[in-house]
Protein backbone atom coordinates (compact mmCIF):
# COMPACT_ATOMS: atom_id res chain seq x y z
CA MET A 1 38.48 68.48 28.13
CA LYS A 2 34.91 68.93 27.04
CA LYS A 3 35.70 67.19 23.66
CA LEU A 4 37.08 64.21 25.52
CA ALA A 5 34.03 63.93 27.73
CA THR A 6 31.72 64.12 24.64
CA CYS A 7 33.75 61.46 22.91
CA LEU A 8 33.59 59.21 25.97
CA VAL A 9 29.77 59.66 26.14
CA LEU A 10 29.44 58.86 22.43
CA ALA A 11 31.68 55.82 22.70
CA SER A 12 29.68 54.53 25.64
CA VAL A 13 26.29 54.96 23.82
CA ALA A 14 27.78 53.12 20.77
CA VAL A 15 28.99 50.17 22.88
CA ALA A 16 25.69 49.98 24.75
CA SER A 17 23.65 49.93 21.50
CA CYS A 18 25.76 47.18 19.88
CA GLY A 19 23.62 44.42 21.50
CA TYR A 20 20.43 46.21 20.40
CA LEU A 21 21.69 46.58 16.80
CA THR A 22 22.66 42.91 16.65
CA ASP A 23 19.19 41.90 17.83
CA GLN A 24 17.68 44.15 15.16
CA ARG A 25 19.70 42.48 12.37
CA VAL A 26 18.73 39.08 13.78
CA ILE A 27 15.03 39.94 13.93
CA ARG A 28 15.17 41.10 10.30
CA SER A 29 16.81 37.82 9.48
CA PHE A 30 14.19 35.64 11.16
CA PRO A 31 12.41 34.61 7.94
CA GLU A 32 15.57 33.33 6.33
CA MET A 33 16.77 31.68 9.59
CA GLU A 34 13.42 29.90 9.85
CA ARG A 35 13.87 28.50 6.31
CA VAL A 36 17.22 27.18 7.32
CA ALA A 37 15.86 25.86 10.63
CA ARG A 38 13.12 23.87 8.91
CA ALA A 39 15.64 22.39 6.44
CA THR A 40 18.22 21.41 9.10
CA VAL A 41 18.40 17.74 10.15
CA PRO A 42 20.38 16.26 13.03
CA ASP A 43 24.09 15.83 12.15
CA ASP A 44 23.78 18.13 9.16
CA ARG A 45 27.47 18.68 8.42
CA MET A 46 26.72 21.33 5.80
CA ARG A 47 25.32 23.67 8.53
CA ALA A 48 28.11 23.05 11.07
CA ARG A 49 30.39 25.70 9.68
CA PRO A 50 30.46 29.48 9.52
CA GLN A 51 27.73 30.97 7.25
CA ARG A 52 25.81 34.08 6.65
CA ILE A 53 22.07 33.93 7.00
CA GLY A 54 20.27 37.12 6.30
CA GLU A 55 22.19 39.92 7.97
CA VAL A 56 24.09 37.80 10.53
CA GLU A 57 27.17 35.63 10.43
CA PHE A 58 26.80 32.41 12.34
CA GLN A 59 29.61 30.14 13.47
CA ASN A 60 27.46 27.02 13.55
CA VAL A 61 23.84 25.93 12.93
CA HIS A 62 22.68 22.72 14.41
CA ARG A 63 19.56 20.79 15.49
CA GLU A 64 19.10 19.27 18.88
CA GLY A 65 15.67 17.53 19.05
CA ASP A 66 12.98 20.06 18.18
CA ARG A 67 15.30 23.07 18.56
CA VAL A 68 17.69 24.62 16.02
CA TYR A 69 20.65 26.54 17.44
CA PHE A 70 22.23 29.46 15.60
CA GLU A 71 25.61 30.02 17.27
CA VAL A 72 27.00 33.55 17.01
CA GLY A 73 30.11 33.15 19.10
CA GLY A 74 31.89 31.26 21.84
CA ASN A 75 33.65 28.79 19.49
CA GLY A 76 32.38 25.84 21.47
CA VAL A 77 33.37 27.27 24.86
CA ASP A 78 30.43 29.06 26.36
CA PRO A 79 28.55 29.33 23.08
CA TYR A 80 25.81 31.86 22.55
CA GLY A 81 23.31 32.95 19.94
CA TYR A 82 19.75 32.30 19.03
CA VAL A 83 17.34 29.26 19.15
CA TRP A 84 14.26 28.44 17.06
CA SER A 85 11.91 26.38 19.23
CA PRO A 86 8.45 26.42 17.61
CA GLY A 87 7.03 23.52 19.61
CA ARG A 88 7.65 24.63 23.09
CA VAL A 89 9.47 27.10 25.38
CA PRO A 90 13.02 25.79 25.59
CA VAL A 91 14.28 24.79 29.06
CA ASP A 92 17.66 23.83 30.37
CA ASP A 93 17.22 20.07 30.07
CA SER A 94 20.39 18.95 28.46
CA ASN A 95 23.70 18.04 29.99
CA PRO A 96 23.76 18.68 33.76
CA ALA A 97 27.33 20.10 33.41
CA VAL A 98 26.00 22.85 31.19
CA ALA A 99 23.92 25.82 32.36
CA SER A 100 21.71 27.07 29.44
CA THR A 101 19.85 30.35 29.50
CA PHE A 102 16.99 31.17 27.19
CA ARG A 103 15.38 34.67 26.79
CA HIS A 104 12.31 35.05 24.71
CA MET A 105 12.59 37.54 21.76
CA GLN A 106 9.45 36.93 19.72
CA GLY A 107 7.36 34.02 18.43
CA PRO A 108 9.54 30.82 18.39
CA TRP A 109 12.75 32.78 18.77
CA TYR A 110 14.99 32.92 21.87
CA ARG A 111 18.35 34.44 22.74
CA TRP A 112 20.53 31.63 24.16
CA SER A 113 23.79 31.11 26.00
CA ASP A 114 25.57 28.15 27.62
CA SER A 115 28.04 28.13 30.42
CA TYR A 116 30.23 25.17 31.05
């Protein structure tokens, strides 16, 4: 019984740290992600596909105005990932049918999610 309890505790710690570990991989990838962000133009079909940038696999990378979105998951339904917004703090100013959330990470980088 003691082994089972230990395994459950270790599994809980591993699951809880997954978000932290993903954020650390993303932070280490910021320089490469910024190079991609600066080169991304609106309607860039080459970026709208799964691709690995730095240590992270992204489903989609696209520009909307002065922001570049790096989608990690959601497959178009409630997408989430990271946003590069060097000019200003991003706000939920897009489609009124979508609730966007932005949480600052560092510099021009934000964690982002949409809820339809």
